Amino acid sequence: MEKRQSKDPLHGITLQKIVETLVDYYGFDTLGELIKIKSFNVNPSVKSSLTFLRKTDWARKQVEDLYLKTLPKIQSK
């Protein structure tokens, strides 16, 4: 039996891993400028960001899109 690989580039990557990777790469200051959400700009933390992103689809989509755009830059480091 063949295993099918998901065509979703985010398959198997947790939201926490995405946020932590973006914070490590950009920092909360730049991340807050790129994506205007309170949890990146006011007392930012990974935990508060995850809580908000899990409830807010549009914000999660923006974070996932930024991650996909940033991934080639991270991998070429």
Protein backbone atom coordinates (compact mmCIF):
# COMPACT_ATOMS: atom_id res chain seq x y z
CA MET A 1 0.00 0.00 0.00
CA GLU A 2 1.35 3.43 -0.93
CA LYS A 3 1.40 6.27 1.52
CA ARG A 4 0.11 9.53 0.14
CA GLN A 5 1.88 12.68 1.16
CA SER A 6 -0.20 15.70 1.97
CA LYS A 7 0.04 18.57 -0.48
CA ASP A 8 -0.47 20.98 2.39
CA PRO A 9 2.93 22.61 3.09
CA LEU A 10 1.91 23.11 6.73
CA HIS A 11 1.03 19.44 7.27
CA GLY A 12 2.63 18.18 10.47
CA ILE A 13 3.76 21.61 11.68
CA THR A 14 2.13 22.85 14.86
CA LEU A 15 0.91 26.38 15.29
CA GLN A 16 3.28 26.70 18.24
CA LYS A 17 6.25 25.76 16.03
CA ILE A 18 5.14 28.32 13.42
CA VAL A 19 4.85 31.13 15.99
CA GLU A 20 8.14 30.24 17.70
CA THR A 21 9.95 30.14 14.35
CA LEU A 22 8.57 33.54 13.33
CA VAL A 23 9.42 35.06 16.73
CA ASP A 24 12.96 33.68 16.52
CA TYR A 25 13.39 35.06 13.01
CA TYR A 26 11.63 38.43 13.28
CA GLY A 27 11.15 39.12 16.98
CA PHE A 28 7.84 40.37 18.34
CA ASP A 29 8.52 44.00 17.31
CA THR A 30 8.81 43.23 13.61
CA LEU A 31 6.17 40.53 13.75
CA GLY A 32 3.76 43.06 15.28
CA GLU A 33 4.46 45.45 12.40
CA LEU A 34 3.91 42.76 9.78
CA ILE A 35 0.74 41.37 11.35
CA LYS A 36 -1.29 43.87 13.33
CA ILE A 37 -2.65 41.87 16.24
CA LYS A 38 -2.62 42.85 19.89
CA SER A 39 -0.93 39.67 21.09
CA PHE A 40 2.17 40.59 19.04
CA ASN A 41 2.21 44.22 20.14
CA VAL A 42 1.00 44.48 23.76
CA ASN A 43 2.80 42.29 26.32
CA PRO A 44 3.67 39.77 23.60
CA SER A 45 4.18 36.12 24.40
CA VAL A 46 3.96 32.88 22.49
CA LYS A 47 1.23 31.66 24.85
CA SER A 48 -1.05 34.70 24.38
CA SER A 49 -0.45 34.61 20.63
CA LEU A 50 -1.42 30.94 20.43
CA THR A 51 -4.58 31.53 22.45
CA PHE A 52 -5.66 34.32 20.10
CA LEU A 53 -4.64 32.56 16.88
CA ARG A 54 -6.51 29.38 17.77
CA LYS A 55 -9.73 31.39 18.08
CA THR A 56 -9.24 33.77 15.15
CA ASP A 57 -9.10 32.24 11.69
CA TRP A 58 -8.14 35.38 9.76
CA ALA A 59 -5.17 36.06 12.04
CA ARG A 60 -4.03 32.44 11.93
CA LYS A 61 -4.18 32.56 8.12
CA GLN A 62 -1.96 35.66 8.08
CA VAL A 63 0.57 33.99 10.40
CA GLU A 64 0.59 30.81 8.31
CA ASP A 65 1.03 32.82 5.10
CA LEU A 66 3.91 34.78 6.59
CA TYR A 67 5.52 31.53 7.74
CA LEU A 68 5.30 30.08 4.22
CA LYS A 69 6.84 33.25 2.74
CA THR A 70 9.58 33.29 5.36
CA LEU A 71 10.47 29.61 5.28
CA PRO A 72 12.84 29.83 2.26
CA LYS A 73 14.75 32.65 4.00
CA ILE A 74 15.06 30.60 7.19
CA GLN A 75 16.20 27.50 5.35
CA SER A 76 18.87 29.40 3.41
CA LYS A 77 20.50 30.72 6.60
